[in-house]
C-alpha cells in the first residue's frame, strides 16, 4: 500500500468502528441480547399479527358478502349471500 492510502484507511476504519458502535447501542440490537426480551417481543408481535389477521379477514369477508348480496338477479349468488347475511344477523342477536 502506498503512504497516501494509509490516512484514508485509518479514517475509514475509525468511521466503521463508530458506525458499529452506534449500531450496537441501538434499542433493537440490545433487545436481542436478552432471550427473555426477545421471547416477549416475539410473543407480542405474534399477538398483533394474529389480531390484525382476524380483523382484516372479518372485514374482507363482510365486504365480499355485502357486495355479493347486491346481485339478487343472479339466483344462486343472491340467495346464498342473503342466507349468509341472515345467519350473521341471527348470530348477532
PDB file of N, CA and C in Angstrom:
ATOM      1  N   UNK A   1       0.832  -1.179   0.000  1.00  0.00           N
ATOM      2  CA  UNK A   1       0.000   0.000   0.000  1.00  0.00           C
ATOM      3  C   UNK A   1       0.875   1.240   0.000  1.00  0.00           C
ATOM      4  N   UNK A   2       0.366   2.233  -0.638  1.00  0.00           N
ATOM      5  CA  UNK A   2       1.130   3.476  -0.667  1.00  0.00           C
ATOM      6  C   UNK A   2       0.845   4.284   0.589  1.00  0.00           C
ATOM      7  N   UNK A   3       1.689   5.276   0.822  1.00  0.00           N
ATOM      8  CA  UNK A   3       1.560   6.094   2.022  1.00  0.00           C
ATOM      9  C   UNK A   3       0.312   6.960   2.027  1.00  0.00           C
ATOM     10  N   UNK A   4      -0.186   7.355   0.828  1.00  0.00           N
ATOM     11  CA  UNK A   4      -1.355   8.233   0.798  1.00  0.00           C
ATOM     12  C   UNK A   4      -2.659   7.480   1.070  1.00  0.00           C
ATOM     13  N   UNK A   5      -2.686   6.160   0.975  1.00  0.00           N
ATOM     14  CA  UNK A   5      -3.897   5.402   1.296  1.00  0.00           C
ATOM     15  C   UNK A   5      -3.993   5.091   2.781  1.00  0.00           C
ATOM     16  N   UNK A   6      -2.874   5.177   3.504  1.00  0.00           N
ATOM     17  CA  UNK A   6      -2.881   4.890   4.936  1.00  0.00           C
ATOM     18  C   UNK A   6      -3.805   5.824   5.713  1.00  0.00           C
ATOM     19  N   UNK A   7      -3.767   7.137   5.512  1.00  0.00           N
ATOM     20  CA  UNK A   7      -4.689   8.012   6.247  1.00  0.00           C
ATOM     21  C   UNK A   7      -6.152   7.724   5.897  1.00  0.00           C
ATOM     22  N   UNK A   8      -6.425   7.441   4.616  1.00  0.00           N
ATOM     23  CA  UNK A   8      -7.793   7.111   4.219  1.00  0.00           C
ATOM     24  C   UNK A   8      -8.261   5.828   4.889  1.00  0.00           C
ATOM     25  N   UNK A   9      -7.375   4.836   4.925  1.00  0.00           N
ATOM     26  CA  UNK A   9      -7.718   3.564   5.543  1.00  0.00           C
ATOM     27  C   UNK A   9      -7.972   3.733   7.036  1.00  0.00           C
ATOM     28  N   UNK A  10      -7.137   4.497   7.707  1.00  0.00           N
ATOM     29  CA  UNK A  10      -7.311   4.720   9.145  1.00  0.00           C
ATOM     30  C   UNK A  10      -8.595   5.500   9.413  1.00  0.00           C
ATOM     31  N   UNK A  11      -8.875   6.507   8.565  1.00  0.00           N
ATOM     32  CA  UNK A  11     -10.079   7.308   8.743  1.00  0.00           C
ATOM     33  C   UNK A  11     -11.333   6.449   8.492  1.00  0.00           C
ATOM     34  N   UNK A  12     -11.290   5.637   7.434  1.00  0.00           N
ATOM     35  CA  UNK A  12     -12.441   4.777   7.131  1.00  0.00           C
ATOM     36  C   UNK A  12     -12.651   3.713   8.201  1.00  0.00           C
ATOM     37  N   UNK A  13     -11.550   3.181   8.732  1.00  0.00           N
ATOM     38  CA  UNK A  13     -11.658   2.193   9.805  1.00  0.00           C
ATOM     39  C   UNK A  13     -12.267   2.820  11.052  1.00  0.00           C
ATOM     40  N   UNK A  14     -11.872   4.038  11.361  1.00  0.00           N
ATOM     41  CA  UNK A  14     -12.431   4.736  12.526  1.00  0.00           C
ATOM     42  C   UNK A  14     -13.917   5.014  12.319  1.00  0.00           C
ATOM     43  N   UNK A  15     -14.289   5.427  11.108  1.00  0.00           N
ATOM     44  CA  UNK A  15     -15.711   5.672  10.820  1.00  0.00           C
ATOM     45  C   UNK A  15     -16.516   4.382  10.922  1.00  0.00           C
ATOM     46  N   UNK A  16     -15.937   3.286  10.433  1.00  0.00           N
ATOM     47  CA  UNK A  16     -16.620   1.996  10.518  1.00  0.00           C
ATOM     48  C   UNK A  16     -16.786   1.561  11.976  1.00  0.00           C
ATOM     49  N   UNK A  17     -15.767   1.766  12.777  1.00  0.00           N
ATOM     50  CA  UNK A  17     -15.850   1.422  14.196  1.00  0.00           C
ATOM     51  C   UNK A  17     -16.930   2.251  14.891  1.00  0.00           C
ATOM     52  N   UNK A  18     -17.012   3.530  14.544  1.00  0.00           N
ATOM     53  CA  UNK A  18     -18.053   4.393  15.124  1.00  0.00           C
ATOM     54  C   UNK A  18     -19.449   3.920  14.702  1.00  0.00           C
ATOM     55  N   UNK A  19     -19.587   3.530  13.444  1.00  0.00           N
ATOM     56  CA  UNK A  19     -20.888   3.061  12.953  1.00  0.00           C
ATOM     57  C   UNK A  19     -21.305   1.770  13.642  1.00  0.00           C
ATOM     58  N   UNK A  20     -20.363   0.858  13.832  1.00  0.00           N
ATOM     59  CA  UNK A  20     -20.669  -0.409  14.517  1.00  0.00           C
ATOM     60  C   UNK A  20     -21.020  -0.142  15.975  1.00  0.00           C
ATOM     61  N   UNK A  21     -20.314   0.771  16.602  1.00  0.00           N
ATOM     62  CA  UNK A  21     -20.608   1.137  17.997  1.00  0.00           C
ATOM     63  C   UNK A  21     -22.012   1.719  18.114  1.00  0.00           C
ATOM     64  N   UNK A  22     -22.364   2.607  17.183  1.00  0.00           N
ATOM     65  CA  UNK A  22     -23.708   3.186  17.193  1.00  0.00           C
ATOM     66  C   UNK A  22     -24.769   2.135  16.947  1.00  0.00           C
ATOM     67  N   UNK A  23     -24.494   1.188  16.062  1.00  0.00           N
ATOM     68  CA  UNK A  23     -25.439   0.114  15.783  1.00  0.00           C
ATOM     69  C   UNK A  23     -25.625  -0.775  17.008  1.00  0.00           C
ATOM     70  N   UNK A  24     -24.533  -1.049  17.717  1.00  0.00           N
ATOM     71  CA  UNK A  24     -24.607  -1.911  18.901  1.00  0.00           C
ATOM     72  C   UNK A  24     -25.420  -1.262  20.016  1.00  0.00           C
ATOM     73  N   UNK A  25     -25.501   0.064  20.029  1.00  0.00           N
ATOM     74  CA  UNK A  25     -26.269   0.765  21.052  1.00  0.00           C
ATOM     75  C   UNK A  25     -27.733   0.931  20.686  1.00  0.00           C
ATOM     76  N   UNK A  26     -28.091   0.531  19.495  1.00  0.00           N
ATOM     77  CA  UNK A  26     -29.478   0.671  19.044  1.00  0.00           C
ATOM     78  C   UNK A  26     -30.395  -0.219  19.883  1.00  0.00           C
ATOM     79  N   UNK A  27     -31.582   0.260  20.179  1.00  0.00           N
ATOM     80  CA  UNK A  27     -32.528  -0.452  21.046  1.00  0.00           C
ATOM     81  C   UNK A  27     -32.889  -1.829  20.487  1.00  0.00           C
ATOM     82  N   UNK A  28     -33.051  -1.917  19.179  1.00  0.00           N
ATOM     83  CA  UNK A  28     -33.434  -3.187  18.569  1.00  0.00           C
ATOM     84  C   UNK A  28     -32.351  -4.248  18.776  1.00  0.00           C
ATOM     85  N   UNK A  29     -31.094  -3.857  18.645  1.00  0.00           N
ATOM     86  CA  UNK A  29     -29.985  -4.799  18.835  1.00  0.00           C
ATOM     87  C   UNK A  29     -29.874  -5.189  20.304  1.00  0.00           C
ATOM     88  N   UNK A  30     -30.040  -4.228  21.206  1.00  0.00           N
ATOM     89  CA  UNK A  30     -29.953  -4.527  22.639  1.00  0.00           C
ATOM     90  C   UNK A  30     -31.061  -5.472  23.078  1.00  0.00           C
ATOM     91  N   UNK A  31     -32.220  -5.395  22.429  1.00  0.00           N
ATOM     92  CA  UNK A  31     -33.327  -6.259  22.793  1.00  0.00           C
ATOM     93  C   UNK A  31     -32.970  -7.730  22.551  1.00  0.00           C
ATOM     94  N   UNK A  32     -32.215  -7.997  21.489  1.00  0.00           N
ATOM     95  CA  UNK A  32     -31.870  -9.374  21.157  1.00  0.00           C
ATOM     96  C   UNK A  32     -30.740  -9.924  22.010  1.00  0.00           C
ATOM     97  N   UNK A  33     -30.168  -9.107  22.870  1.00  0.00           N
ATOM     98  CA  UNK A  33     -29.154  -9.611  23.792  1.00  0.00           C
ATOM     99  C   UNK A  33     -29.792 -10.406  24.923  1.00  0.00           C
ATOM    100  N   UNK A  34     -31.040 -10.146  25.225  1.00  0.00           N
ATOM    101  CA  UNK A  34     -31.736 -10.836  26.307  1.00  0.00           C
ATOM    102  C   UNK A  34     -32.765 -11.800  25.714  1.00  0.00           C
ATOM    103  N   UNK A  35     -32.609 -13.092  25.953  1.00  0.00           N
ATOM    104  CA  UNK A  35     -33.576 -14.055  25.414  1.00  0.00           C
ATOM    105  C   UNK A  35     -35.003 -13.812  25.923  1.00  0.00           C
ATOM    106  N   UNK A  36     -35.131 -13.381  27.175  1.00  0.00           N
ATOM    107  CA  UNK A  36     -36.465 -13.134  27.724  1.00  0.00           C
ATOM    108  C   UNK A  36     -37.143 -11.963  26.998  1.00  0.00           C
ATOM    109  N   UNK A  37     -36.402 -10.909  26.754  1.00  0.00           N
ATOM    110  CA  UNK A  37     -36.951  -9.781  25.993  1.00  0.00           C
ATOM    111  C   UNK A  37     -37.334 -10.208  24.583  1.00  0.00           C
ATOM    112  N   UNK A  38     -36.485 -11.011  23.980  1.00  0.00           N
ATOM    113  CA  UNK A  38     -36.744 -11.450  22.619  1.00  0.00           C
ATOM    114  C   UNK A  38     -38.019 -12.289  22.563  1.00  0.00           C
ATOM    115  N   UNK A  39     -38.190 -13.191  23.506  1.00  0.00           N
ATOM    116  CA  UNK A  39     -39.400 -14.021  23.544  1.00  0.00           C
ATOM    117  C   UNK A  39     -40.625 -13.146  23.779  1.00  0.00           C
ATOM    118  N   UNK A  40     -40.525 -12.198  24.690  1.00  0.00           N
ATOM    119  CA  UNK A  40     -41.644 -11.294  24.947  1.00  0.00           C
ATOM    120  C   UNK A  40     -42.004 -10.468  23.728  1.00  0.00           C
ATOM    121  N   UNK A  41     -40.988  -9.956  23.043  1.00  0.00           N
ATOM    122  CA  UNK A  41     -41.232  -9.169  21.836  1.00  0.00           C
ATOM    123  C   UNK A  41     -41.882 -10.017  20.752  1.00  0.00           C
ATOM    124  N   UNK A  42     -41.379 -11.214  20.552  1.00  0.00           N
ATOM    125  CA  UNK A  42     -41.942 -12.086  19.520  1.00  0.00           C
ATOM    126  C   UNK A  42     -43.365 -12.511  19.880  1.00  0.00           C
ATOM    127  N   UNK A  43     -43.642 -12.697  21.161  1.00  0.00           N
ATOM    128  CA  UNK A  43     -44.993 -13.047  21.596  1.00  0.00           C
ATOM    129  C   UNK A  43     -45.969 -11.915  21.293  1.00  0.00           C
ATOM    130  N   UNK A  44     -45.590 -10.688  21.663  1.00  0.00           N
ATOM    131  CA  UNK A  44     -46.441  -9.533  21.376  1.00  0.00           C
ATOM    132  C   UNK A  44     -46.600  -9.318  19.876  1.00  0.00           C
ATOM    133  N   UNK A  45     -45.546  -9.553  19.145  1.00  0.00           N
ATOM    134  CA  UNK A  45     -45.609  -9.429  17.688  1.00  0.00           C
ATOM    135  C   UNK A  45     -46.581 -10.452  17.116  1.00  0.00           C
ATOM    136  N   UNK A  46     -46.549 -11.673  17.624  1.00  0.00           N
ATOM    137  CA  UNK A  46     -47.468 -12.706  17.166  1.00  0.00           C
ATOM    138  C   UNK A  46     -48.915 -12.375  17.508  1.00  0.00           C
ATOM    139  N   UNK A  47     -49.139 -11.841  18.708  1.00  0.00           N
ATOM    140  CA  UNK A  47     -50.496 -11.439  19.082  1.00  0.00           C
ATOM    141  C   UNK A  47     -51.021 -10.343  18.156  1.00  0.00           C
ATOM    142  N   UNK A  48     -50.193  -9.360  17.880  1.00  0.00           N
ATOM    143  CA  UNK A  48     -50.606  -8.272  16.996  1.00  0.00           C
ATOM    144  C   UNK A  48     -50.877  -8.793  15.588  1.00  0.00           C
ATOM    145  N   UNK A  49     -50.032  -9.684  15.112  1.00  0.00           N
ATOM    146  CA  UNK A  49     -50.227 -10.254  13.779  1.00  0.00           C
ATOM    147  C   UNK A  49     -51.520 -11.056  13.719  1.00  0.00           C
ATOM    148  N   UNK A  50     -51.769 -11.874  14.731  1.00  0.00           N
ATOM    149  CA  UNK A  50     -52.995 -12.675  14.758  1.00  0.00           C
ATOM    150  C   UNK A  50     -54.241 -11.816  14.842  1.00  0.00           C
ATOM    151  N   UNK A  51     -54.215 -10.805  15.696  1.00  0.00           N
ATOM    152  CA  UNK A  51     -55.359  -9.911  15.823  1.00  0.00           C
ATOM    153  C   UNK A  51     -55.609  -9.157  14.521  1.00  0.00           C
ATOM    154  N   UNK A  52     -54.562  -8.667  13.906  1.00  0.00           N
ATOM    155  CA  UNK A  52     -54.698  -7.967  12.636  1.00  0.00           C
ATOM    156  C   UNK A  52     -55.240  -8.872  11.541  1.00  0.00           C
ATOM    157  N   UNK A  53     -54.804 -10.114  11.537  1.00  0.00           N
ATOM    158  CA  UNK A  53     -55.287 -11.069  10.540  1.00  0.00           C
ATOM    159  C   UNK A  53     -56.769 -11.336  10.721  1.00  0.00           C
ATOM    160  N   UNK A  54     -57.203 -11.546  11.954  1.00  0.00           N
ATOM    161  CA  UNK A  54     -58.615 -11.831  12.219  1.00  0.00           C
ATOM    162  C   UNK A  54     -59.489 -10.628  11.851  1.00  0.00           C
ATOM    163  N   UNK A  55     -59.075  -9.445  12.265  1.00  0.00           N
ATOM    164  CA  UNK A  55     -59.862  -8.244  11.962  1.00  0.00           C
ATOM    165  C   UNK A  55     -59.898  -7.999  10.450  1.00  0.00           C
ATOM    166  N   UNK A  56     -58.763  -8.132   9.801  1.00  0.00           N
ATOM    167  CA  UNK A  56     -58.704  -7.922   8.359  1.00  0.00           C
ATOM    168  C   UNK A  56     -59.539  -8.937   7.592  1.00  0.00           C
ATOM    169  N   UNK A  57     -59.458 -10.199   7.980  1.00  0.00           N
ATOM    170  CA  UNK A  57     -60.242 -11.232   7.297  1.00  0.00           C
ATOM    171  C   UNK A  57     -61.731 -11.017   7.526  1.00  0.00           C
ATOM    172  N   UNK A  58     -62.110 -10.642   8.736  1.00  0.00           N
ATOM    173  CA  UNK A  58     -63.524 -10.386   9.023  1.00  0.00           C
ATOM    174  C   UNK A  58     -64.059  -9.235   8.178  1.00  0.00           C
ATOM    175  N   UNK A  59     -63.281  -8.170   8.085  1.00  0.00           N
ATOM    176  CA  UNK A  59     -63.712  -7.029   7.282  1.00  0.00           C
ATOM    177  C   UNK A  59     -63.811  -7.404   5.804  1.00  0.00           C
ATOM    178  N   UNK A  60     -62.841  -8.147   5.327  1.00  0.00           N
ATOM    179  CA  UNK A  60     -62.843  -8.548   3.919  1.00  0.00           C
ATOM    180  C   UNK A  60     -64.017  -9.461   3.592  1.00  0.00           C
ATOM    181  N   UNK A  61     -64.275 -10.441   4.438  1.00  0.00           N
ATOM    182  CA  UNK A  61     -65.403 -11.353   4.208  1.00  0.00           C
ATOM    183  C   UNK A  61     -66.719 -10.585   4.270  1.00  0.00           C
ATOM    184  N   UNK A  62     -66.834  -9.670   5.208  1.00  0.00           N
ATOM    185  CA  UNK A  62     -68.063  -8.870   5.301  1.00  0.00           C
ATOM    186  C   UNK A  62     -68.289  -8.054   4.038  1.00  0.00           C
ATOM    187  N   UNK A  63     -67.231  -7.444   3.533  1.00  0.00           N
ATOM    188  CA  UNK A  63     -67.365  -6.653   2.313  1.00  0.00           C
ATOM    189  C   UNK A  63     -67.717  -7.513   1.105  1.00  0.00           C
ATOM    190  N   UNK A  64     -67.118  -8.681   1.013  1.00  0.00           N
ATOM    191  CA  UNK A  64     -67.421  -9.580  -0.104  1.00  0.00           C
ATOM    192  C   UNK A  64     -68.869 -10.036  -0.036  1.00  0.00           C
ATOM    193  N   UNK A  65     -69.335 -10.396   1.133  1.00  0.00           N
ATOM    194  CA  UNK A  65     -70.727 -10.845   1.281  1.00  0.00           C
ATOM    195  C   UNK A  65     -71.680  -9.699   0.998  1.00  0.00           C
ATOM    196  N   UNK A  66     -71.364  -8.519   1.483  1.00  0.00           N
ATOM    197  CA  UNK A  66     -72.202  -7.359   1.199  1.00  0.00           C
ATOM    198  C   UNK A  66     -72.249  -7.076  -0.300  1.00  0.00           C
ATOM    199  N   UNK A  67     -71.113  -7.181  -0.954  1.00  0.00           N
ATOM    200  CA  UNK A  67     -71.042  -6.974  -2.393  1.00  0.00           C
ATOM    201  C   UNK A  67     -71.849  -8.040  -3.140  1.00  0.00           C
ATOM    202  N   UNK A  68     -71.702  -9.286  -2.720  1.00  0.00           N
ATOM    203  CA  UNK A  68     -72.431 -10.369  -3.397  1.00  0.00           C
ATOM    204  C   UNK A  68     -73.935 -10.304  -3.142  1.00  0.00           C
ATOM    205  N   UNK A  69     -74.332  -9.755  -2.027  1.00  0.00           N
ATOM    206  CA  UNK A  69     -75.764  -9.685  -1.729  1.00  0.00           C
ATOM    207  C   UNK A  69     -76.484  -8.703  -2.655  1.00  0.00           C
ATOM    208  N   UNK A  70     -75.716  -7.844  -3.315  1.00  0.00           N
ATOM    209  CA  UNK A  70     -76.323  -6.891  -4.240  1.00  0.00           C
ATOM    210  C   UNK A  70     -76.733  -7.548  -5.557  1.00  0.00           C
ATOM    211  N   UNK A  71     -76.247  -8.756  -5.797  1.00  0.00           N
ATOM    212  CA  UNK A  71     -76.550  -9.459  -7.039  1.00  0.00           C
ATOM    213  C   UNK A  71     -77.741 -10.389  -6.867  1.00  0.00           C
ATOM    214  N   UNK A  72     -78.866  -9.832  -6.560  1.00  0.00           N
ATOM    215  CA  UNK A  72     -80.062 -10.653  -6.370  1.00  0.00           C
ATOM    216  C   UNK A  72     -80.613 -11.170  -7.686  1.00  0.00           C
ATOM    217  N   UNK A  73     -80.221 -10.565  -8.799  1.00  0.00           N
ATOM    218  CA  UNK A  73     -80.707 -11.037 -10.088  1.00  0.00           C
ATOM    219  C   UNK A  73     -80.002 -12.324 -10.518  1.00  0.00           C
ATOM    220  N   UNK A  74     -78.890 -12.673  -9.866  1.00  0.00           N
ATOM    221  CA  UNK A  74     -78.255 -13.967 -10.108  1.00  0.00           C
ATOM    222  C   UNK A  74     -78.761 -14.893  -9.004  1.00  0.00           C
ATOM    223  N   UNK A  75     -79.621 -15.833  -9.343  1.00  0.00           N
ATOM    224  CA  UNK A  75     -80.335 -16.609  -8.313  1.00  0.00           C
ATOM    225  C   UNK A  75     -79.438 -17.311  -7.297  1.00  0.00           C
ATOM    226  N   UNK A  76     -78.424 -17.977  -7.729  1.00  0.00           N
ATOM    227  CA  UNK A  76     -77.605 -18.762  -6.800  1.00  0.00           C
ATOM    228  C   UNK A  76     -76.820 -17.851  -5.865  1.00  0.00           C
ATOM    229  N   UNK A  77     -76.136 -16.866  -6.408  1.00  0.00           N
ATOM    230  CA  UNK A  77     -75.303 -15.981  -5.593  1.00  0.00           C
ATOM    231  C   UNK A  77     -76.168 -15.104  -4.696  1.00  0.00           C
ATOM    232  N   UNK A  78     -77.244 -14.557  -5.230  1.00  0.00           N
ATOM    233  CA  UNK A  78     -78.109 -13.681  -4.442  1.00  0.00           C
ATOM    234  C   UNK A  78     -78.727 -14.397  -3.263  1.00  0.00           C
ATOM    235  N   UNK A  79     -79.241 -15.597  -3.489  1.00  0.00           N
ATOM    236  CA  UNK A  79     -79.862 -16.368  -2.399  1.00  0.00           C
ATOM    237  C   UNK A  79     -78.812 -16.800  -1.387  1.00  0.00           C
ATOM    238  N   UNK A  80     -77.668 -17.211  -1.885  1.00  0.00           N
ATOM    239  CA  UNK A  80     -76.599 -17.662  -0.989  1.00  0.00           C
ATOM    240  C   UNK A  80     -76.119 -16.511  -0.105  1.00  0.00           C
ATOM    241  N   UNK A  81     -75.888 -15.342  -0.701  1.00  0.00           N
ATOM    242  CA  UNK A  81     -75.420 -14.186   0.066  1.00  0.00           C
ATOM    243  C   UNK A  81     -76.492 -13.711   1.042  1.00  0.00           C
ATOM    244  N   UNK A  82     -77.754 -13.709   0.616  1.00  0.00           N
ATOM    245  CA  UNK A  82     -78.841 -13.304   1.504  1.00  0.00           C
ATOM    246  C   UNK A  82     -78.949 -14.247   2.692  1.00  0.00           C
ATOM    247  N   UNK A  83     -78.774 -15.515   2.438  1.00  0.00           N
ATOM    248  CA  UNK A  83     -78.828 -16.515   3.511  1.00  0.00           C
ATOM    249  C   UNK A  83     -77.672 -16.314   4.502  1.00  0.00           C
ATOM    250  N   UNK A  84     -76.502 -16.006   4.000  1.00  0.00           N
ATOM    251  CA  UNK A  84     -75.350 -15.765   4.884  1.00  0.00           C
ATOM    252  C   UNK A  84     -75.596 -14.528   5.736  1.00  0.00           C
ATOM    253  N   UNK A  85     -76.111 -13.466   5.129  1.00  0.00           N
ATOM    254  CA  UNK A  85     -76.392 -12.237   5.880  1.00  0.00           C
ATOM    255  C   UNK A  85     -77.429 -12.490   6.957  1.00  0.00           C
ATOM    256  N   UNK A  86     -78.449 -13.277   6.658  1.00  0.00           N
ATOM    257  CA  UNK A  86     -79.463 -13.598   7.667  1.00  0.00           C
ATOM    258  C   UNK A  86     -78.851 -14.398   8.809  1.00  0.00           C
ATOM    259  N   UNK A  87     -77.950 -15.310   8.500  1.00  0.00           N
ATOM    260  CA  UNK A  87     -77.270 -16.099   9.539  1.00  0.00           C
ATOM    261  C   UNK A  87     -76.409 -15.189  10.423  1.00  0.00           C
ATOM    262  N   UNK A  88     -75.731 -14.253   9.810  1.00  0.00           N
ATOM    263  CA  UNK A  88     -74.889 -13.324  10.588  1.00  0.00           C
ATOM    264  C   UNK A  88     -75.739 -12.462  11.492  1.00  0.00           C
ATOM    265  N   UNK A  89     -76.843 -11.931  10.957  1.00  0.00           N
ATOM    266  CA  UNK A  89     -77.721 -11.096  11.764  1.00  0.00           C
ATOM    267  C   UNK A  89     -78.370 -11.894  12.882  1.00  0.00           C
ATOM    268  N   UNK A  90     -78.703 -13.149  12.636  1.00  0.00           N
ATOM    269  CA  UNK A  90     -79.277 -14.001  13.686  1.00  0.00           C
ATOM    270  C   UNK A  90     -78.228 -14.265  14.764  1.00  0.00           C
ATOM    271  N   UNK A  91     -76.975 -14.451  14.369  1.00  0.00           N
ATOM    272  CA  UNK A  91     -75.908 -14.697  15.339  1.00  0.00           C
ATOM    273  C   UNK A  91     -75.582 -13.504  16.188  1.00  0.00           C
ATOM    274  N   UNK A  92     -75.841 -12.305  15.690  1.00  0.00           N
ATOM    275  CA  UNK A  92     -75.557 -11.091  16.451  1.00  0.00           C
ATOM    276  C   UNK A  92     -76.605 -10.825  17.508  1.00  0.00           C
ATOM    277  N   UNK A  93     -77.786 -11.405  17.359  1.00  0.00           N
ATOM    278  CA  UNK A  93     -78.863 -11.143  18.324  1.00  0.00           C
ATOM    279  C   UNK A  93     -78.774 -12.047  19.485  1.00  0.00           C
TER     280      UNK A  93
END
